[in-house]
Protein backbone atom coordinates (compact mmCIF):
# COMPACT_ATOMS: atom_id res chain seq x y z
CA MET A 1 24.51 25.93 28.27
CA ASN A 2 23.54 24.07 31.47
CA VAL A 3 21.99 20.61 31.72
CA LYS A 4 18.50 21.97 32.39
CA THR A 5 18.56 24.16 29.29
CA THR A 6 19.93 21.31 27.17
CA PHE A 7 17.23 18.94 28.39
CA ARG A 8 14.50 21.51 27.68
CA SER A 9 15.83 21.94 24.13
CA PHE A 10 15.70 18.16 23.70
CA GLN A 11 12.12 18.17 24.99
CA TYR A 12 11.07 20.75 22.41
CA ALA A 13 12.82 18.79 19.65
CA VAL A 14 10.95 15.62 20.60
CA LEU A 15 7.64 17.48 20.63
CA LEU A 16 8.26 19.02 17.22
CA LEU A 17 9.37 15.69 15.74
CA SER A 18 6.29 13.93 17.11
CA LEU A 19 3.90 16.56 15.77
CA GLY A 20 5.70 16.53 12.44
CA LEU A 21 5.33 12.77 12.09
CA VAL A 22 1.64 12.87 12.94
CA PHE A 23 0.76 15.72 10.59
CA LEU A 24 3.00 14.46 7.79
CA PHE A 25 1.70 10.93 7.61
CA SER A 26 -1.87 11.28 8.83
CA SER A 27 -4.40 11.24 6.01
CA ASN A 28 -8.12 11.65 5.80
CA SER A 29 -10.15 8.62 4.81
CA SER A 30 -12.07 9.03 1.60
CA GLN A 31 -14.32 6.08 2.32
CA ALA A 32 -17.97 6.97 1.77
CA ALA A 33 -20.14 6.63 4.84
CA ASP A 34 -23.18 5.34 3.04
CA THR A 35 -23.54 2.79 0.29
CA SER A 36 -26.61 2.57 -1.88
CA SER A 37 -27.89 -0.76 -0.60
CA ALA A 38 -30.23 -1.36 -3.52
CA ASP A 39 -27.50 -0.95 -6.15
CA PHE A 40 -25.04 -2.92 -4.06
CA GLU A 41 -27.51 -5.78 -3.66
CA GLN A 42 -28.20 -5.70 -7.39
CA ALA A 43 -24.50 -6.03 -8.10
CA ASN A 44 -24.22 -8.92 -5.62
CA LYS A 45 -27.25 -10.60 -7.21
CA CYS A 46 -25.61 -10.47 -10.63
CA TYR A 47 -22.47 -12.01 -9.12
CA GLU A 48 -24.44 -14.83 -7.49
CA GLN A 49 -26.16 -15.54 -10.82
CA GLY A 50 -22.81 -15.84 -12.57
CA LYS A 51 -23.25 -12.59 -14.50
CA TYR A 52 -19.79 -11.37 -13.57
CA GLY A 53 -19.52 -8.77 -16.32
CA GLU A 54 -22.76 -7.13 -15.23
CA ALA A 55 -21.63 -7.27 -11.60
CA VAL A 56 -18.43 -5.43 -12.55
CA SER A 57 -20.48 -2.72 -14.27
CA HIS A 58 -22.69 -2.25 -11.20
CA TYR A 59 -19.74 -2.10 -8.80
CA ASP A 60 -17.96 0.39 -11.07
CA LYS A 61 -21.04 2.63 -11.09
CA LEU A 62 -21.04 2.68 -7.30
CA LEU A 63 -17.37 3.66 -7.26
CA GLN A 64 -17.92 6.37 -9.86
CA ARG A 65 -20.53 7.88 -7.56
CA GLY A 66 -17.91 8.08 -4.82
CA GLU A 67 -19.32 5.22 -2.74
CA ALA A 68 -15.95 3.57 -2.22
CA SER A 69 -15.80 0.89 0.46
CA GLU A 70 -13.83 -2.22 1.27
CA ALA A 71 -16.85 -4.40 0.46
CA ILE A 72 -17.32 -2.92 -3.02
CA TYR A 73 -13.64 -3.22 -3.95
CA PHE A 74 -13.50 -6.75 -2.51
CA ASN A 75 -16.56 -7.93 -4.44
CA LEU A 76 -15.32 -6.19 -7.58
CA GLY A 77 -12.05 -8.07 -7.25
CA ASN A 78 -13.93 -11.35 -6.89
CA ALA A 79 -15.97 -10.62 -10.04
CA TYR A 80 -12.84 -9.81 -12.03
CA PHE A 81 -11.18 -12.97 -10.72
CA LYS A 82 -14.13 -15.05 -11.96
CA LEU A 83 -13.61 -13.43 -15.38
CA ASN A 84 -9.92 -14.49 -15.21
CA GLN A 85 -8.89 -10.83 -15.35
CA PHE A 86 -6.19 -11.14 -12.72
CA GLY A 87 -4.71 -7.67 -13.19
CA HIS A 88 -8.03 -5.95 -12.55
CA ALA A 89 -8.71 -8.31 -9.63
CA ILE A 90 -5.37 -7.58 -7.98
CA ALA A 91 -5.86 -3.82 -8.40
CA SER A 92 -9.32 -4.04 -6.79
CA TYR A 93 -8.06 -6.18 -3.90
CA ARG A 94 -5.22 -3.73 -3.29
CA GLN A 95 -7.70 -0.85 -3.13
CA ALA A 96 -9.74 -2.83 -0.59
CA GLU A 97 -6.56 -3.54 1.37
CA GLN A 98 -6.02 0.20 1.85
CA LEU A 99 -9.36 0.37 3.65
CA ALA A 100 -9.18 -2.94 5.55
CA PRO A 101 -5.53 -4.01 5.85
CA ARG A 102 -6.18 -6.80 8.36
CA ASP A 103 -9.15 -8.51 6.70
CA PRO A 104 -7.99 -12.17 6.54
CA GLU A 105 -10.31 -13.14 3.67
CA LEU A 106 -9.19 -10.18 1.61
CA ARG A 107 -5.51 -10.89 2.23
CA ALA A 108 -6.05 -14.54 1.30
CA ASN A 109 -7.82 -13.63 -1.95
CA LEU A 110 -5.12 -11.15 -2.88
CA GLN A 111 -2.40 -13.74 -2.31
CA PHE A 112 -4.33 -16.33 -4.30
CA ALA A 113 -4.89 -13.92 -7.23
CA ARG A 114 -1.20 -13.06 -7.25
CA ALA A 115 -0.28 -16.74 -7.22
CA GLN A 116 -2.60 -17.39 -10.17
CA ALA A 117 -1.11 -14.46 -12.08
CA ARG A 118 2.40 -15.82 -11.47
CA GLY A 119 1.47 -19.37 -12.40
CA GLY A 120 2.04 -20.52 -8.83
CA SER A 121 5.59 -19.19 -8.47
CA PRO A 122 6.46 -17.35 -5.22
CA GLN A 123 6.66 -13.58 -5.14
CA SER A 124 9.89 -11.99 -3.96
CA GLY A 125 9.42 -9.98 -0.77
CA GLU A 126 5.81 -11.09 -0.28
CA ARG A 127 6.21 -11.65 3.47
CA ARG A 128 7.68 -8.17 3.86
CA HIS A 129 4.72 -6.65 2.02
CA LEU A 130 2.26 -8.63 4.12
CA PHE A 131 3.97 -7.46 7.31
CA LEU A 132 4.07 -3.79 6.32
CA ASN A 133 0.52 -3.79 4.98
CA TYR A 134 -0.82 -5.31 8.20
CA LEU A 135 -0.88 -1.78 9.64
CA THR A 136 -1.93 1.45 7.95
CA LEU A 137 0.56 4.26 7.54
CA ASN A 138 -1.24 6.18 10.31
CA GLU A 139 -0.85 3.21 12.66
CA TRP A 140 2.88 2.90 11.91
CA THR A 141 3.17 6.64 12.57
CA TRP A 142 1.41 6.48 15.94
CA LEU A 143 3.46 3.49 17.08
CA THR A 144 6.66 5.33 16.17
CA VAL A 145 5.52 8.45 18.02
CA ILE A 146 4.52 6.41 21.09
CA ALA A 147 7.92 4.69 21.14
CA LEU A 148 9.63 8.09 20.84
CA TRP A 149 7.66 9.56 23.74
CA PHE A 150 8.20 6.48 25.90
CA LEU A 151 11.93 6.81 25.29
CA PHE A 152 11.73 10.51 26.10
CA LEU A 153 9.87 9.86 29.37
CA LEU A 154 12.45 7.28 30.45
CA LEU A 155 15.30 9.68 29.67
CA ALA A 156 13.48 12.43 31.57
CA TRP A 157 12.98 10.16 34.57
CA MET A 158 16.64 9.22 34.48
CA GLN A 159 17.53 12.92 34.44
CA TRP A 160 15.28 13.76 37.37
CA ARG A 161 16.10 10.67 39.46
CA PRO A 162 19.81 9.85 39.10
CA ASP A 163 19.47 7.29 41.90
CA ILE A 164 17.32 4.95 39.76
CA ARG A 165 19.20 5.57 36.51
CA PRO A 166 20.83 2.09 36.48
CA LYS A 167 17.40 0.41 36.70
CA LEU A 168 16.05 2.40 33.76
CA ARG A 169 19.04 1.99 31.47
CA ASN A 170 17.88 -1.32 29.92
CA PRO A 171 14.25 -0.18 29.38
CA ALA A 172 15.60 2.97 27.76
CA LEU A 173 17.79 0.91 25.43
CA VAL A 174 14.84 -1.31 24.51
CA SER A 175 12.67 1.75 23.87
CA GLY A 176 15.38 3.28 21.72
CA LEU A 177 15.70 0.08 19.70
CA ALA A 178 11.91 -0.10 19.28
CA PHE A 179 11.84 3.51 18.08
CA VAL A 180 14.56 2.80 15.50
CA LEU A 181 12.87 -0.38 14.20
CA LEU A 182 9.45 1.26 14.04
CA GLY A 183 10.99 4.27 12.32
CA ILE A 184 12.50 1.99 9.67
CA CYS A 185 9.13 0.28 9.12
CA LEU A 186 7.47 3.69 8.87
CA ALA A 187 10.03 4.89 6.32
CA VAL A 188 9.59 1.77 4.16
CA ALA A 189 5.79 1.96 4.39
CA PHE A 190 5.90 5.66 3.48
CA ASN A 191 8.07 4.88 0.45
CA GLU A 192 5.67 2.19 -0.76
CA ASP A 193 2.52 4.21 -0.04
CA TYR A 194 3.55 7.63 -1.31
CA LEU A 195 6.64 7.36 -3.49
CA THR A 196 6.13 4.12 -5.42
CA LYS A 197 3.84 3.71 -8.41
CA THR A 198 2.94 0.23 -9.57
CA ALA A 199 1.96 -0.77 -13.10
CA ILE A 200 -0.39 -3.77 -13.01
CA VAL A 201 -0.59 -5.60 -16.32
CA ILE A 202 -4.18 -6.07 -17.57
CA THR A 203 -3.58 -7.85 -20.88
CA GLY A 204 -3.17 -11.60 -21.31
CA GLU A 205 0.48 -11.22 -22.21
CA ALA A 206 2.53 -8.13 -22.97
CA ASP A 207 5.95 -7.51 -24.44
CA VAL A 208 8.27 -5.28 -22.41
CA HIS A 209 10.34 -3.39 -25.01
CA ASN A 210 13.86 -2.04 -24.84
CA GLY A 211 12.57 1.40 -25.81
CA PRO A 212 9.31 3.38 -25.91
CA LEU A 213 8.47 2.28 -29.48
CA ASP A 214 6.47 -0.60 -30.94
CA GLU A 215 9.42 -1.28 -33.24
CA SER A 216 11.80 -1.73 -30.31
CA GLN A 217 12.97 -5.24 -29.56
CA ALA A 218 11.07 -7.11 -26.84
CA ALA A 219 13.24 -7.55 -23.74
CA TYR A 220 10.90 -9.95 -21.94
CA LYS A 221 7.23 -10.82 -21.56
CA VAL A 222 4.84 -10.27 -18.66
CA ARG A 223 1.49 -11.86 -17.92
CA ASP A 224 -1.85 -10.50 -16.80
CA GLY A 225 -1.56 -9.50 -13.14
CA ALA A 226 2.19 -8.80 -13.12
CA GLU A 227 3.04 -5.91 -10.77
CA LEU A 228 5.91 -3.73 -11.98
CA ILE A 229 7.55 -0.64 -10.50
CA VAL A 230 7.10 2.50 -12.62
CA LEU A 231 10.38 4.32 -13.23
CA ASP A 232 9.52 6.82 -15.94
CA GLN A 233 6.86 7.88 -18.45
CA LYS A 234 7.26 9.00 -22.06
CA ASP A 235 4.97 9.41 -25.07
CA GLY A 236 2.29 6.92 -24.00
CA TRP A 237 4.77 4.43 -22.52
CA TYR A 238 5.87 3.52 -19.00
CA GLN A 239 9.37 2.48 -18.12
CA VAL A 240 9.06 -0.37 -15.62
CA SER A 241 11.18 -2.72 -13.56
CA ASP A 242 10.26 -6.26 -12.49
CA GLN A 243 11.33 -8.26 -9.43
CA SER A 244 14.51 -9.36 -11.22
CA GLN A 245 15.44 -5.70 -11.80
CA ARG A 246 14.89 -6.05 -15.53
CA VAL A 247 14.00 -2.68 -17.05
CA GLY A 248 11.88 -2.05 -20.12
CA TRP A 249 8.93 -0.14 -21.57
CA LEU A 250 5.21 -0.98 -21.64
CA ARG A 251 2.40 0.80 -23.46
CA GLN A 252 0.03 2.68 -21.17
CA ASP A 253 -3.03 0.83 -22.48
CA GLN A 254 -1.58 -2.45 -21.21
CA VAL A 255 -1.51 -1.51 -17.54
CA LEU A 256 -3.38 0.01 -14.63
CA ILE A 257 -1.39 2.51 -12.59
CA PHE A 258 -1.87 1.91 -8.89
CA SER A 259 -1.04 4.77 -6.53
CA PRO A 260 -2.09 3.54 -3.05
CA ARG A 261 -2.66 6.84 -1.25
CA ALA A 262 -4.50 8.32 -4.21
CA GLN A 263 -7.26 5.83 -3.36
CA GLN A 264 -8.09 5.46 -7.00
CA LYS A 265 -7.73 2.94 -9.78
CA SER A 266 -7.47 4.38 -13.26
CA LYS A 267 -6.69 2.95 -16.64
CA VAL A 268 -4.25 5.19 -18.49
CA VAL A 269 -4.78 5.29 -22.25
């Protein structure tokens, strides 16, 4: 096989990889285009009057009608926070974050709610989450594809113009490194967005048991707003893991299951 044929095969491989990344990770937005302004204003009015429970009911009705938006989830999170229901607030803020990942006020409120839920203690890996969530999965995908094509173009130029190959060697290395780093970020973001389920505690305090039975010994306790990784599910229980890698079982009625790309928040009973 000659050099020209080899290079053409590489070109086709790059094209297929790029298209695969785009189609695999691109997703359609489910955000409703229109929001019923009258109902939304009514919900906001209840919030301003301190009727936070009524505000929650109004915001939930809007969501049940499919009128999901960053503003509704954000305001719903604020209403839950005022009711000291940190788990519900965090779940609502995280839904809003999927629609507006770079909203500074939203990110600040989410961090503050998490801090309140933890009693002020720092969260492991919080900076990593903030960095990855700064871009959507589609944006990470496009950046990775762009870096791949830029690397491909440099390699093609070096193939066609051997006389300038030394000048392009360093840019090609930088492009290759950028592609690898962006690919790692994309893989981690994909894992968190598609493969990881989070159980958000919605009770004041909950016992995490050694087994999926009420009679099982309590391994440790978690507070309202704790975010745990779901490992398994059995007979109305979720097996979860906390930041310290402690594993145990929680009843389904004690948590909200958050699946980011499902764009939904549901209480499992």
